[in-house]
Amino acid sequence: MFDFEKLDVYQTVRGLNQEVYAFIYKSKGLDAYIIDQWKRASLSAVLNLSEGVGRMSVADKKHFLTISRGSIFECVSILQIIYDLKWIDEDFYNKLYSDYEKASKMLLGMYRSFN
C-alpha cells in the first residue's frame, strides 16, 4: 500500500471524485465546458494530493497540497454554478459541499503540519 492511500484526506477526496464522475455520467443536458472543467478539477485534487505525499521536500509537499486545495475550491465554485442553474438537487449539493469543506480543512491541516 502506498503512503497516500493510508490518509483519510485521500480517501475523502477520492470518494468525492467518484461521486462527481458518477453524477456527471448519469446526468444529461449539462454544459459540456462546465462538466469538463469539473472533471479536471476533481481529478486534479486527488492526483496532486497523492503526488504531494510522494515528494521528498517539505516545500514540494506543501506546493502540491496547495494545488490540491485550489482544485477543491474550483470544484466548489462549479458546484455552486450548477446548483444555481438547478442542475443538481439541494440534498446532493449539500452533501458534496460538506464533503468539499471537509476535504479543504483536512488539506489545510496537513499543510500546516509541515510548518
PDB file of N, CA and C in Angstrom:
ATOM      1  N   MET A   1       0.839  -1.176   0.000  1.00  0.00           N
ATOM      2  CA  MET A   1       0.000   0.000   0.000  1.00  0.00           C
ATOM      3  C   MET A   1       0.888   1.246   0.000  1.00  0.00           C
ATOM      4  N   PHE A   2       0.516   2.223  -0.802  1.00  0.00           N
ATOM      5  CA  PHE A   2       1.260   3.475  -0.872  1.00  0.00           C
ATOM      6  C   PHE A   2       0.871   4.387   0.296  1.00  0.00           C
ATOM      7  N   ASP A   3       1.785   5.259   0.681  1.00  0.00           N
ATOM      8  CA  ASP A   3       1.555   6.138   1.833  1.00  0.00           C
ATOM      9  C   ASP A   3       0.282   6.959   1.696  1.00  0.00           C
ATOM     10  N   PHE A   4       0.035   7.507   0.516  1.00  0.00           N
ATOM     11  CA  PHE A   4      -1.127   8.384   0.350  1.00  0.00           C
ATOM     12  C   PHE A   4      -2.446   7.633   0.538  1.00  0.00           C
ATOM     13  N   GLU A   5      -2.450   6.340   0.253  1.00  0.00           N
ATOM     14  CA  GLU A   5      -3.677   5.547   0.387  1.00  0.00           C
ATOM     15  C   GLU A   5      -4.116   5.389   1.848  1.00  0.00           C
ATOM     16  N   LYS A   6      -3.198   5.597   2.778  1.00  0.00           N
ATOM     17  CA  LYS A   6      -3.483   5.448   4.202  1.00  0.00           C
ATOM     18  C   LYS A   6      -4.140   6.704   4.794  1.00  0.00           C
ATOM     19  N   LEU A   7      -4.134   7.783   4.050  1.00  0.00           N
ATOM     20  CA  LEU A   7      -4.613   9.066   4.573  1.00  0.00           C
ATOM     21  C   LEU A   7      -6.132   9.207   4.453  1.00  0.00           C
ATOM     22  N   ASP A   8      -6.761   9.665   5.522  1.00  0.00           N
ATOM     23  CA  ASP A   8      -8.201   9.933   5.489  1.00  0.00           C
ATOM     24  C   ASP A   8      -8.534  10.991   4.446  1.00  0.00           C
ATOM     25  N   VAL A   9      -7.679  11.988   4.333  1.00  0.00           N
ATOM     26  CA  VAL A   9      -7.941  13.056   3.355  1.00  0.00           C
ATOM     27  C   VAL A   9      -7.925  12.493   1.936  1.00  0.00           C
ATOM     28  N   TYR A  10      -7.039  11.578   1.655  1.00  0.00           N
ATOM     29  CA  TYR A  10      -7.012  10.962   0.332  1.00  0.00           C
ATOM     30  C   TYR A  10      -8.309  10.205   0.066  1.00  0.00           C
ATOM     31  N   GLN A  11      -8.763   9.433   1.057  1.00  0.00           N
ATOM     32  CA  GLN A  11      -9.998   8.668   0.885  1.00  0.00           C
ATOM     33  C   GLN A  11     -11.197   9.601   0.706  1.00  0.00           C
ATOM     34  N   THR A  12     -11.195  10.735   1.395  1.00  0.00           N
ATOM     35  CA  THR A  12     -12.274  11.710   1.248  1.00  0.00           C
ATOM     36  C   THR A  12     -12.284  12.307  -0.151  1.00  0.00           C
ATOM     37  N   VAL A  13     -11.132  12.749  -0.623  1.00  0.00           N
ATOM     38  CA  VAL A  13     -11.037  13.361  -1.952  1.00  0.00           C
ATOM     39  C   VAL A  13     -11.303  12.321  -3.039  1.00  0.00           C
ATOM     40  N   ARG A  14     -10.828  11.141  -2.837  1.00  0.00           N
ATOM     41  CA  ARG A  14     -11.088  10.045  -3.783  1.00  0.00           C
ATOM     42  C   ARG A  14     -12.592   9.758  -3.875  1.00  0.00           C
ATOM     43  N   GLY A  15     -13.255   9.716  -2.736  1.00  0.00           N
ATOM     44  CA  GLY A  15     -14.695   9.499  -2.716  1.00  0.00           C
ATOM     45  C   GLY A  15     -15.454  10.611  -3.421  1.00  0.00           C
ATOM     46  N   LEU A  16     -15.027  11.841  -3.218  1.00  0.00           N
ATOM     47  CA  LEU A  16     -15.641  12.969  -3.928  1.00  0.00           C
ATOM     48  C   LEU A  16     -15.475  12.812  -5.431  1.00  0.00           C
ATOM     49  N   ASN A  17     -14.297  12.423  -5.846  1.00  0.00           N
ATOM     50  CA  ASN A  17     -14.032  12.230  -7.266  1.00  0.00           C
ATOM     51  C   ASN A  17     -14.983  11.184  -7.853  1.00  0.00           C
ATOM     52  N   GLN A  18     -15.184  10.108  -7.140  1.00  0.00           N
ATOM     53  CA  GLN A  18     -16.089   9.050  -7.603  1.00  0.00           C
ATOM     54  C   GLN A  18     -17.525   9.560  -7.693  1.00  0.00           C
ATOM     55  N   GLU A  19     -17.956  10.321  -6.698  1.00  0.00           N
ATOM     56  CA  GLU A  19     -19.326  10.840  -6.708  1.00  0.00           C
ATOM     57  C   GLU A  19     -19.543  11.828  -7.849  1.00  0.00           C
ATOM     58  N   VAL A  20     -18.567  12.684  -8.076  1.00  0.00           N
ATOM     59  CA  VAL A  20     -18.674  13.674  -9.150  1.00  0.00           C
ATOM     60  C   VAL A  20     -18.746  12.968 -10.505  1.00  0.00           C
ATOM     61  N   TYR A  21     -17.863  12.028 -10.728  1.00  0.00           N
ATOM     62  CA  TYR A  21     -17.873  11.323 -12.013  1.00  0.00           C
ATOM     63  C   TYR A  21     -19.171  10.545 -12.213  1.00  0.00           C
ATOM     64  N   ALA A  22     -19.671   9.906 -11.169  1.00  0.00           N
ATOM     65  CA  ALA A  22     -20.934   9.172 -11.276  1.00  0.00           C
ATOM     66  C   ALA A  22     -22.083  10.131 -11.601  1.00  0.00           C
ATOM     67  N   PHE A  23     -22.106  11.283 -10.945  1.00  0.00           N
ATOM     68  CA  PHE A  23     -23.153  12.274 -11.201  1.00  0.00           C
ATOM     69  C   PHE A  23     -23.082  12.777 -12.643  1.00  0.00           C
ATOM     70  N   ILE A  24     -21.888  13.086 -13.089  1.00  0.00           N
ATOM     71  CA  ILE A  24     -21.696  13.611 -14.440  1.00  0.00           C
ATOM     72  C   ILE A  24     -22.179  12.611 -15.481  1.00  0.00           C
ATOM     73  N   TYR A  25     -21.806  11.354 -15.313  1.00  0.00           N
ATOM     74  CA  TYR A  25     -22.136  10.366 -16.333  1.00  0.00           C
ATOM     75  C   TYR A  25     -23.605   9.965 -16.347  1.00  0.00           C
ATOM     76  N   LYS A  26     -24.306  10.168 -15.242  1.00  0.00           N
ATOM     77  CA  LYS A  26     -25.732   9.832 -15.255  1.00  0.00           C
ATOM     78  C   LYS A  26     -26.607  11.029 -15.607  1.00  0.00           C
ATOM     79  N   SER A  27     -26.035  12.220 -15.599  1.00  0.00           N
ATOM     80  CA  SER A  27     -26.800  13.440 -15.882  1.00  0.00           C
ATOM     81  C   SER A  27     -26.749  13.767 -17.362  1.00  0.00           C
ATOM     82  N   LYS A  28     -27.872  14.221 -17.856  1.00  0.00           N
ATOM     83  CA  LYS A  28     -27.964  14.604 -19.270  1.00  0.00           C
ATOM     84  C   LYS A  28     -28.217  16.109 -19.364  1.00  0.00           C
ATOM     85  N   GLY A  29     -27.768  16.704 -20.427  1.00  0.00           N
ATOM     86  CA  GLY A  29     -28.059  18.101 -20.693  1.00  0.00           C
ATOM     87  C   GLY A  29     -27.198  19.099 -19.940  1.00  0.00           C
ATOM     88  N   LEU A  30     -26.119  18.645 -19.340  1.00  0.00           N
ATOM     89  CA  LEU A  30     -25.231  19.561 -18.642  1.00  0.00           C
ATOM     90  C   LEU A  30     -24.280  20.214 -19.634  1.00  0.00           C
ATOM     91  N   ASP A  31     -23.907  21.439 -19.349  1.00  0.00           N
ATOM     92  CA  ASP A  31     -22.992  22.170 -20.210  1.00  0.00           C
ATOM     93  C   ASP A  31     -21.648  21.434 -20.297  1.00  0.00           C
ATOM     94  N   ALA A  32     -21.215  21.157 -21.495  1.00  0.00           N
ATOM     95  CA  ALA A  32     -20.007  20.354 -21.706  1.00  0.00           C
ATOM     96  C   ALA A  32     -18.763  21.023 -21.124  1.00  0.00           C
ATOM     97  N   TYR A  33     -18.644  22.342 -21.250  1.00  0.00           N
ATOM     98  CA  TYR A  33     -17.458  23.029 -20.729  1.00  0.00           C
ATOM     99  C   TYR A  33     -17.407  22.946 -19.207  1.00  0.00           C
ATOM    100  N   ILE A  34     -18.539  23.204 -18.557  1.00  0.00           N
ATOM    101  CA  ILE A  34     -18.582  23.153 -17.094  1.00  0.00           C
ATOM    102  C   ILE A  34     -18.263  21.741 -16.609  1.00  0.00           C
ATOM    103  N   ILE A  35     -18.826  20.761 -17.263  1.00  0.00           N
ATOM    104  CA  ILE A  35     -18.593  19.370 -16.869  1.00  0.00           C
ATOM    105  C   ILE A  35     -17.129  18.985 -17.065  1.00  0.00           C
ATOM    106  N   ASP A  36     -16.558  19.380 -18.195  1.00  0.00           N
ATOM    107  CA  ASP A  36     -15.148  19.080 -18.449  1.00  0.00           C
ATOM    108  C   ASP A  36     -14.264  19.719 -17.377  1.00  0.00           C
ATOM    109  N   GLN A  37     -14.564  20.954 -17.037  1.00  0.00           N
ATOM    110  CA  GLN A  37     -13.764  21.658 -16.033  1.00  0.00           C
ATOM    111  C   GLN A  37     -13.923  21.005 -14.663  1.00  0.00           C
ATOM    112  N   TRP A  38     -15.138  20.575 -14.323  1.00  0.00           N
ATOM    113  CA  TRP A  38     -15.373  19.918 -13.040  1.00  0.00           C
ATOM    114  C   TRP A  38     -14.618  18.596 -12.962  1.00  0.00           C
ATOM    115  N   LYS A  39     -14.636  17.837 -14.049  1.00  0.00           N
ATOM    116  CA  LYS A  39     -13.884  16.585 -14.082  1.00  0.00           C
ATOM    117  C   LYS A  39     -12.396  16.843 -13.898  1.00  0.00           C
ATOM    118  N   ARG A  40     -11.881  17.849 -14.577  1.00  0.00           N
ATOM    119  CA  ARG A  40     -10.454  18.167 -14.475  1.00  0.00           C
ATOM    120  C   ARG A  40     -10.074  18.602 -13.063  1.00  0.00           C
ATOM    121  N   ALA A  41     -10.886  19.477 -12.470  1.00  0.00           N
ATOM    122  CA  ALA A  41     -10.597  19.966 -11.124  1.00  0.00           C
ATOM    123  C   ALA A  41     -10.697  18.839 -10.102  1.00  0.00           C
ATOM    124  N   SER A  42     -11.695  17.990 -10.256  1.00  0.00           N
ATOM    125  CA  SER A  42     -11.875  16.866  -9.338  1.00  0.00           C
ATOM    126  C   SER A  42     -10.698  15.903  -9.420  1.00  0.00           C
ATOM    127  N   LEU A  43     -10.301  15.586 -10.622  1.00  0.00           N
ATOM    128  CA  LEU A  43      -9.157  14.704 -10.824  1.00  0.00           C
ATOM    129  C   LEU A  43      -7.869  15.352 -10.320  1.00  0.00           C
ATOM    130  N   SER A  44      -7.715  16.645 -10.560  1.00  0.00           N
ATOM    131  CA  SER A  44      -6.538  17.374 -10.099  1.00  0.00           C
ATOM    132  C   SER A  44      -6.402  17.317  -8.584  1.00  0.00           C
ATOM    133  N   ALA A  45      -7.524  17.433  -7.878  1.00  0.00           N
ATOM    134  CA  ALA A  45      -7.479  17.413  -6.412  1.00  0.00           C
ATOM    135  C   ALA A  45      -6.884  16.104  -5.898  1.00  0.00           C
ATOM    136  N   VAL A  46      -7.337  15.001  -6.418  1.00  0.00           N
ATOM    137  CA  VAL A  46      -6.867  13.705  -5.931  1.00  0.00           C
ATOM    138  C   VAL A  46      -5.448  13.400  -6.432  1.00  0.00           C
ATOM    139  N   LEU A  47      -5.136  13.768  -7.658  1.00  0.00           N
ATOM    140  CA  LEU A  47      -3.807  13.468  -8.202  1.00  0.00           C
ATOM    141  C   LEU A  47      -2.712  14.313  -7.554  1.00  0.00           C
ATOM    142  N   ASN A  48      -2.988  15.595  -7.336  1.00  0.00           N
ATOM    143  CA  ASN A  48      -1.974  16.445  -6.706  1.00  0.00           C
ATOM    144  C   ASN A  48      -1.754  16.090  -5.248  1.00  0.00           C
ATOM    145  N   LEU A  49      -2.801  15.657  -4.568  1.00  0.00           N
ATOM    146  CA  LEU A  49      -2.638  15.182  -3.200  1.00  0.00           C
ATOM    147  C   LEU A  49      -1.710  13.972  -3.165  1.00  0.00           C
ATOM    148  N   SER A  50      -1.986  12.996  -4.007  1.00  0.00           N
ATOM    149  CA  SER A  50      -1.153  11.784  -3.991  1.00  0.00           C
ATOM    150  C   SER A  50       0.275  12.088  -4.438  1.00  0.00           C
ATOM    151  N   GLU A  51       0.436  12.961  -5.421  1.00  0.00           N
ATOM    152  CA  GLU A  51       1.793  13.315  -5.851  1.00  0.00           C
ATOM    153  C   GLU A  51       2.548  14.053  -4.752  1.00  0.00           C
ATOM    154  N   GLY A  52       1.853  14.940  -4.067  1.00  0.00           N
ATOM    155  CA  GLY A  52       2.488  15.699  -2.998  1.00  0.00           C
ATOM    156  C   GLY A  52       2.988  14.825  -1.865  1.00  0.00           C
ATOM    157  N   VAL A  53       2.221  13.813  -1.518  1.00  0.00           N
ATOM    158  CA  VAL A  53       2.632  12.904  -0.457  1.00  0.00           C
ATOM    159  C   VAL A  53       3.929  12.188  -0.845  1.00  0.00           C
ATOM    160  N   GLY A  54       4.105  11.930  -2.134  1.00  0.00           N
ATOM    161  CA  GLY A  54       5.294  11.232  -2.599  1.00  0.00           C
ATOM    162  C   GLY A  54       6.528  12.099  -2.732  1.00  0.00           C
ATOM    163  N   ARG A  55       6.364  13.393  -2.633  1.00  0.00           N
ATOM    164  CA  ARG A  55       7.514  14.289  -2.754  1.00  0.00           C
ATOM    165  C   ARG A  55       8.382  14.231  -1.502  1.00  0.00           C
ATOM    166  N   MET A  56       9.663  14.498  -1.668  1.00  0.00           N
ATOM    167  CA  MET A  56      10.610  14.349  -0.565  1.00  0.00           C
ATOM    168  C   MET A  56      10.800  15.633   0.238  1.00  0.00           C
ATOM    169  N   SER A  57      10.751  16.768  -0.404  1.00  0.00           N
ATOM    170  CA  SER A  57      10.987  18.010   0.334  1.00  0.00           C
ATOM    171  C   SER A  57       9.666  18.577   0.855  1.00  0.00           C
ATOM    172  N   VAL A  58       9.746  19.263   1.982  1.00  0.00           N
ATOM    173  CA  VAL A  58       8.564  19.886   2.578  1.00  0.00           C
ATOM    174  C   VAL A  58       7.981  20.930   1.628  1.00  0.00           C
ATOM    175  N   ALA A  59       8.836  21.683   0.973  1.00  0.00           N
ATOM    176  CA  ALA A  59       8.357  22.710   0.038  1.00  0.00           C
ATOM    177  C   ALA A  59       7.553  22.079  -1.100  1.00  0.00           C
ATOM    178  N   ASP A  60       8.035  20.973  -1.632  1.00  0.00           N
ATOM    179  CA  ASP A  60       7.303  20.275  -2.697  1.00  0.00           C
ATOM    180  C   ASP A  60       5.974  19.733  -2.178  1.00  0.00           C
ATOM    181  N   LYS A  61       5.993  19.133  -1.003  1.00  0.00           N
ATOM    182  CA  LYS A  61       4.760  18.600  -0.418  1.00  0.00           C
ATOM    183  C   LYS A  61       3.721  19.705  -0.277  1.00  0.00           C
ATOM    184  N   LYS A  62       4.129  20.833   0.292  1.00  0.00           N
ATOM    185  CA  LYS A  62       3.215  21.952   0.511  1.00  0.00           C
ATOM    186  C   LYS A  62       2.697  22.518  -0.811  1.00  0.00           C
ATOM    187  N   HIS A  63       3.560  22.548  -1.813  1.00  0.00           N
ATOM    188  CA  HIS A  63       3.156  23.059  -3.129  1.00  0.00           C
ATOM    189  C   HIS A  63       2.021  22.213  -3.709  1.00  0.00           C
ATOM    190  N   PHE A  64       2.172  20.908  -3.684  1.00  0.00           N
ATOM    191  CA  PHE A  64       1.143  20.034  -4.257  1.00  0.00           C
ATOM    192  C   PHE A  64      -0.134  20.020  -3.417  1.00  0.00           C
ATOM    193  N   LEU A  65      -0.006  20.151  -2.103  1.00  0.00           N
ATOM    194  CA  LEU A  65      -1.195  20.264  -1.261  1.00  0.00           C
ATOM    195  C   LEU A  65      -1.956  21.547  -1.564  1.00  0.00           C
ATOM    196  N   THR A  66      -1.220  22.617  -1.832  1.00  0.00           N
ATOM    197  CA  THR A  66      -1.846  23.895  -2.200  1.00  0.00           C
ATOM    198  C   THR A  66      -2.606  23.760  -3.515  1.00  0.00           C
ATOM    199  N   ILE A  67      -2.022  23.091  -4.477  1.00  0.00           N
ATOM    200  CA  ILE A  67      -2.703  22.876  -5.761  1.00  0.00           C
ATOM    201  C   ILE A  67      -3.953  22.024  -5.560  1.00  0.00           C
ATOM    202  N   SER A  68      -3.836  20.977  -4.764  1.00  0.00           N
ATOM    203  CA  SER A  68      -4.981  20.110  -4.497  1.00  0.00           C
ATOM    204  C   SER A  68      -6.114  20.906  -3.850  1.00  0.00           C
ATOM    205  N   ARG A  69      -5.779  21.732  -2.873  1.00  0.00           N
ATOM    206  CA  ARG A  69      -6.798  22.534  -2.189  1.00  0.00           C
ATOM    207  C   ARG A  69      -7.404  23.559  -3.143  1.00  0.00           C
ATOM    208  N   GLY A  70      -6.591  24.132  -4.003  1.00  0.00           N
ATOM    209  CA  GLY A  70      -7.118  25.058  -5.005  1.00  0.00           C
ATOM    210  C   GLY A  70      -8.107  24.368  -5.932  1.00  0.00           C
ATOM    211  N   SER A  71      -7.835  23.131  -6.273  1.00  0.00           N
ATOM    212  CA  SER A  71      -8.754  22.363  -7.119  1.00  0.00           C
ATOM    213  C   SER A  71     -10.063  22.083  -6.389  1.00  0.00           C
ATOM    214  N   ILE A  72      -9.987  21.862  -5.086  1.00  0.00           N
ATOM    215  CA  ILE A  72     -11.204  21.696  -4.281  1.00  0.00           C
ATOM    216  C   ILE A  72     -12.032  22.979  -4.347  1.00  0.00           C
ATOM    217  N   PHE A  73     -11.384  24.119  -4.199  1.00  0.00           N
ATOM    218  CA  PHE A  73     -12.084  25.404  -4.276  1.00  0.00           C
ATOM    219  C   PHE A  73     -12.751  25.573  -5.640  1.00  0.00           C
ATOM    220  N   GLU A  74     -12.051  25.179  -6.682  1.00  0.00           N
ATOM    221  CA  GLU A  74     -12.616  25.249  -8.030  1.00  0.00           C
ATOM    222  C   GLU A  74     -13.851  24.362  -8.142  1.00  0.00           C
ATOM    223  N   CYS A  75     -13.782  23.170  -7.575  1.00  0.00           N
ATOM    224  CA  CYS A  75     -14.939  22.258  -7.594  1.00  0.00           C
ATOM    225  C   CYS A  75     -16.135  22.875  -6.875  1.00  0.00           C
ATOM    226  N   VAL A  76     -15.892  23.558  -5.761  1.00  0.00           N
ATOM    227  CA  VAL A  76     -16.985  24.198  -5.023  1.00  0.00           C
ATOM    228  C   VAL A  76     -17.630  25.293  -5.867  1.00  0.00           C
ATOM    229  N   SER A  77     -16.827  26.073  -6.555  1.00  0.00           N
ATOM    230  CA  SER A  77     -17.383  27.115  -7.421  1.00  0.00           C
ATOM    231  C   SER A  77     -18.239  26.514  -8.525  1.00  0.00           C
ATOM    232  N   ILE A  78     -17.762  25.444  -9.119  1.00  0.00           N
ATOM    233  CA  ILE A  78     -18.529  24.767 -10.166  1.00  0.00           C
ATOM    234  C   ILE A  78     -19.810  24.180  -9.579  1.00  0.00           C
ATOM    235  N   LEU A  79     -19.698  23.570  -8.415  1.00  0.00           N
ATOM    236  CA  LEU A  79     -20.869  23.019  -7.740  1.00  0.00           C
ATOM    237  C   LEU A  79     -21.922  24.105  -7.514  1.00  0.00           C
ATOM    238  N   GLN A  80     -21.485  25.281  -7.081  1.00  0.00           N
ATOM    239  CA  GLN A  80     -22.421  26.378  -6.852  1.00  0.00           C
ATOM    240  C   GLN A  80     -23.066  26.846  -8.153  1.00  0.00           C
ATOM    241  N   ILE A  81     -22.304  26.864  -9.218  1.00  0.00           N
ATOM    242  CA  ILE A  81     -22.851  27.258 -10.523  1.00  0.00           C
ATOM    243  C   ILE A  81     -23.931  26.267 -10.967  1.00  0.00           C
ATOM    244  N   ILE A  82     -23.631  24.979 -10.874  1.00  0.00           N
ATOM    245  CA  ILE A  82     -24.635  24.016 -11.343  1.00  0.00           C
ATOM    246  C   ILE A  82     -25.850  23.973 -10.414  1.00  0.00           C
ATOM    247  N   TYR A  83     -25.646  24.317  -9.150  1.00  0.00           N
ATOM    248  CA  TYR A  83     -26.785  24.422  -8.234  1.00  0.00           C
ATOM    249  C   TYR A  83     -27.650  25.627  -8.610  1.00  0.00           C
ATOM    250  N   ASP A  84     -27.008  26.758  -8.876  1.00  0.00           N
ATOM    251  CA  ASP A  84     -27.744  27.961  -9.281  1.00  0.00           C
ATOM    252  C   ASP A  84     -28.543  27.731 -10.555  1.00  0.00           C
ATOM    253  N   LEU A  85     -28.010  26.893 -11.439  1.00  0.00           N
ATOM    254  CA  LEU A  85     -28.686  26.573 -12.693  1.00  0.00           C
ATOM    255  C   LEU A  85     -29.720  25.453 -12.530  1.00  0.00           C
ATOM    256  N   LYS A  86     -29.850  24.961 -11.295  1.00  0.00           N
ATOM    257  CA  LYS A  86     -30.815  23.905 -10.961  1.00  0.00           C
ATOM    258  C   LYS A  86     -30.519  22.587 -11.685  1.00  0.00           C
ATOM    259  N   TRP A  87     -29.241  22.307 -11.861  1.00  0.00           N
ATOM    260  CA  TRP A  87     -28.819  21.063 -12.485  1.00  0.00           C
ATOM    261  C   TRP A  87     -28.537  19.973 -11.458  1.00  0.00           C
ATOM    262  N   ILE A  88     -28.641  20.323 -10.175  1.00  0.00           N
ATOM    263  CA  ILE A  88     -28.354  19.374  -9.108  1.00  0.00           C
ATOM    264  C   ILE A  88     -29.360  19.633  -7.986  1.00  0.00           C
ATOM    265  N   ASP A  89     -29.818  18.572  -7.347  1.00  0.00           N
ATOM    266  CA  ASP A  89     -30.800  18.785  -6.281  1.00  0.00           C
ATOM    267  C   ASP A  89     -30.106  19.253  -5.001  1.00  0.00           C
ATOM    268  N   GLU A  90     -30.888  19.861  -4.145  1.00  0.00           N
ATOM    269  CA  GLU A  90     -30.343  20.507  -2.949  1.00  0.00           C
ATOM    270  C   GLU A  90     -29.661  19.530  -1.996  1.00  0.00           C
ATOM    271  N   ASP A  91     -30.228  18.349  -1.815  1.00  0.00           N
ATOM    272  CA  ASP A  91     -29.629  17.373  -0.898  1.00  0.00           C
ATOM    273  C   ASP A  91     -28.244  16.930  -1.358  1.00  0.00           C
ATOM    274  N   PHE A  92     -28.129  16.628  -2.639  1.00  0.00           N
ATOM    275  CA  PHE A  92     -26.832  16.194  -3.164  1.00  0.00           C
ATOM    276  C   PHE A  92     -25.840  17.353  -3.157  1.00  0.00           C
ATOM    277  N   TYR A  93     -26.317  18.539  -3.477  1.00  0.00           N
ATOM    278  CA  TYR A  93     -25.478  19.739  -3.405  1.00  0.00           C
ATOM    279  C   TYR A  93     -24.911  19.886  -1.992  1.00  0.00           C
ATOM    280  N   ASN A  94     -25.773  19.809  -0.990  1.00  0.00           N
ATOM    281  CA  ASN A  94     -25.343  19.980   0.403  1.00  0.00           C
ATOM    282  C   ASN A  94     -24.351  18.903   0.824  1.00  0.00           C
ATOM    283  N   LYS A  95     -24.569  17.674   0.356  1.00  0.00           N
ATOM    284  CA  LYS A  95     -23.642  16.594   0.689  1.00  0.00           C
ATOM    285  C   LYS A  95     -22.266  16.848   0.090  1.00  0.00           C
ATOM    286  N   LEU A  96     -22.245  17.184  -1.207  1.00  0.00           N
ATOM    287  CA  LEU A  96     -20.964  17.459  -1.854  1.00  0.00           C
ATOM    288  C   LEU A  96     -20.280  18.673  -1.232  1.00  0.00           C
ATOM    289  N   TYR A  97     -21.052  19.721  -0.983  1.00  0.00           N
ATOM    290  CA  TYR A  97     -20.486  20.942  -0.391  1.00  0.00           C
ATOM    291  C   TYR A  97     -19.835  20.614   0.953  1.00  0.00           C
ATOM    292  N   SER A  98     -20.521  19.868   1.773  1.00  0.00           N
ATOM    293  CA  SER A  98     -19.996  19.485   3.086  1.00  0.00           C
ATOM    294  C   SER A  98     -18.721  18.651   2.946  1.00  0.00           C
ATOM    295  N   ASP A  99     -18.714  17.725   2.000  1.00  0.00           N
ATOM    296  CA  ASP A  99     -17.530  16.892   1.785  1.00  0.00           C
ATOM    297  C   ASP A  99     -16.358  17.710   1.246  1.00  0.00           C
ATOM    298  N   TYR A 100     -16.635  18.666   0.360  1.00  0.00           N
ATOM    299  CA  TYR A 100     -15.566  19.541  -0.126  1.00  0.00           C
ATOM    300  C   TYR A 100     -14.999  20.377   1.016  1.00  0.00           C
ATOM    301  N   GLU A 101     -15.881  20.876   1.877  1.00  0.00           N
ATOM    302  CA  GLU A 101     -15.424  21.675   3.021  1.00  0.00           C
ATOM    303  C   GLU A 101     -14.534  20.831   3.938  1.00  0.00           C
ATOM    304  N   LYS A 102     -14.952  19.602   4.177  1.00  0.00           N
ATOM    305  CA  LYS A 102     -14.161  18.678   4.999  1.00  0.00           C
ATOM    306  C   LYS A 102     -12.795  18.439   4.359  1.00  0.00           C
ATOM    307  N   ALA A 103     -12.768  18.165   3.069  1.00  0.00           N
ATOM    308  CA  ALA A 103     -11.503  17.917   2.360  1.00  0.00           C
ATOM    309  C   ALA A 103     -10.598  19.134   2.428  1.00  0.00           C
ATOM    310  N   SER A 104     -11.164  20.311   2.245  1.00  0.00           N
ATOM    311  CA  SER A 104     -10.381  21.545   2.300  1.00  0.00           C
ATOM    312  C   SER A 104      -9.725  21.718   3.666  1.00  0.00           C
ATOM    313  N   LYS A 105     -10.496  21.486   4.722  1.00  0.00           N
ATOM    314  CA  LYS A 105      -9.958  21.619   6.075  1.00  0.00           C
ATOM    315  C   LYS A 105      -8.877  20.580   6.349  1.00  0.00           C
ATOM    316  N   MET A 106      -9.075  19.385   5.851  1.00  0.00           N
ATOM    317  CA  MET A 106      -8.078  18.333   6.039  1.00  0.00           C
ATOM    318  C   MET A 106      -6.784  18.675   5.306  1.00  0.00           C
ATOM    319  N   LEU A 107      -6.906  19.182   4.100  1.00  0.00           N
ATOM    320  CA  LEU A 107      -5.717  19.573   3.338  1.00  0.00           C
ATOM    321  C   LEU A 107      -4.984  20.724   4.014  1.00  0.00           C
ATOM    322  N   LEU A 108      -5.745  21.685   4.536  1.00  0.00           N
ATOM    323  CA  LEU A 108      -5.130  22.804   5.243  1.00  0.00           C
ATOM    324  C   LEU A 108      -4.410  22.309   6.499  1.00  0.00           C
ATOM    325  N   GLY A 109      -5.026  21.398   7.217  1.00  0.00           N
ATOM    326  CA  GLY A 109      -4.380  20.832   8.399  1.00  0.00           C
ATOM    327  C   GLY A 109      -3.100  20.100   8.046  1.00  0.00           C
ATOM    328  N   MET A 110      -3.145  19.366   6.964  1.00  0.00           N
ATOM    329  CA  MET A 110      -1.952  18.649   6.517  1.00  0.00           C
ATOM    330  C   MET A 110      -0.850  19.633   6.119  1.00  0.00           C
ATOM    331  N   TYR A 111      -1.230  20.676   5.412  1.00  0.00           N
ATOM    332  CA  TYR A 111      -0.280  21.722   5.007  1.00  0.00           C
ATOM    333  C   TYR A 111       0.376  22.338   6.250  1.00  0.00           C
ATOM    334  N   ARG A 112      -0.456  22.691   7.210  1.00  0.00           N
ATOM    335  CA  ARG A 112       0.057  23.332   8.434  1.00  0.00           C
ATOM    336  C   ARG A 112       0.937  22.404   9.251  1.00  0.00           C
ATOM    337  N   SER A 113       0.744  21.106   9.117  1.00  0.00           N
ATOM    338  CA  SER A 113       1.546  20.161   9.871  1.00  0.00           C
ATOM    339  C   SER A 113       3.006  20.178   9.429  1.00  0.00           C
ATOM    340  N   PHE A 114       3.280  20.742   8.280  1.00  0.00           N
ATOM    341  CA  PHE A 114       4.658  20.812   7.782  1.00  0.00           C
ATOM    342  C   PHE A 114       5.372  22.081   8.226  1.00  0.00           C
ATOM    343  N   ASN A 115       4.696  22.953   8.976  1.00  0.00           N
ATOM    344  CA  ASN A 115       5.331  24.198   9.465  1.00  0.00           C
ATOM    345  C   ASN A 115       6.127  23.944  10.725  1.00  0.00           C
TER     346      ASN A 115
END
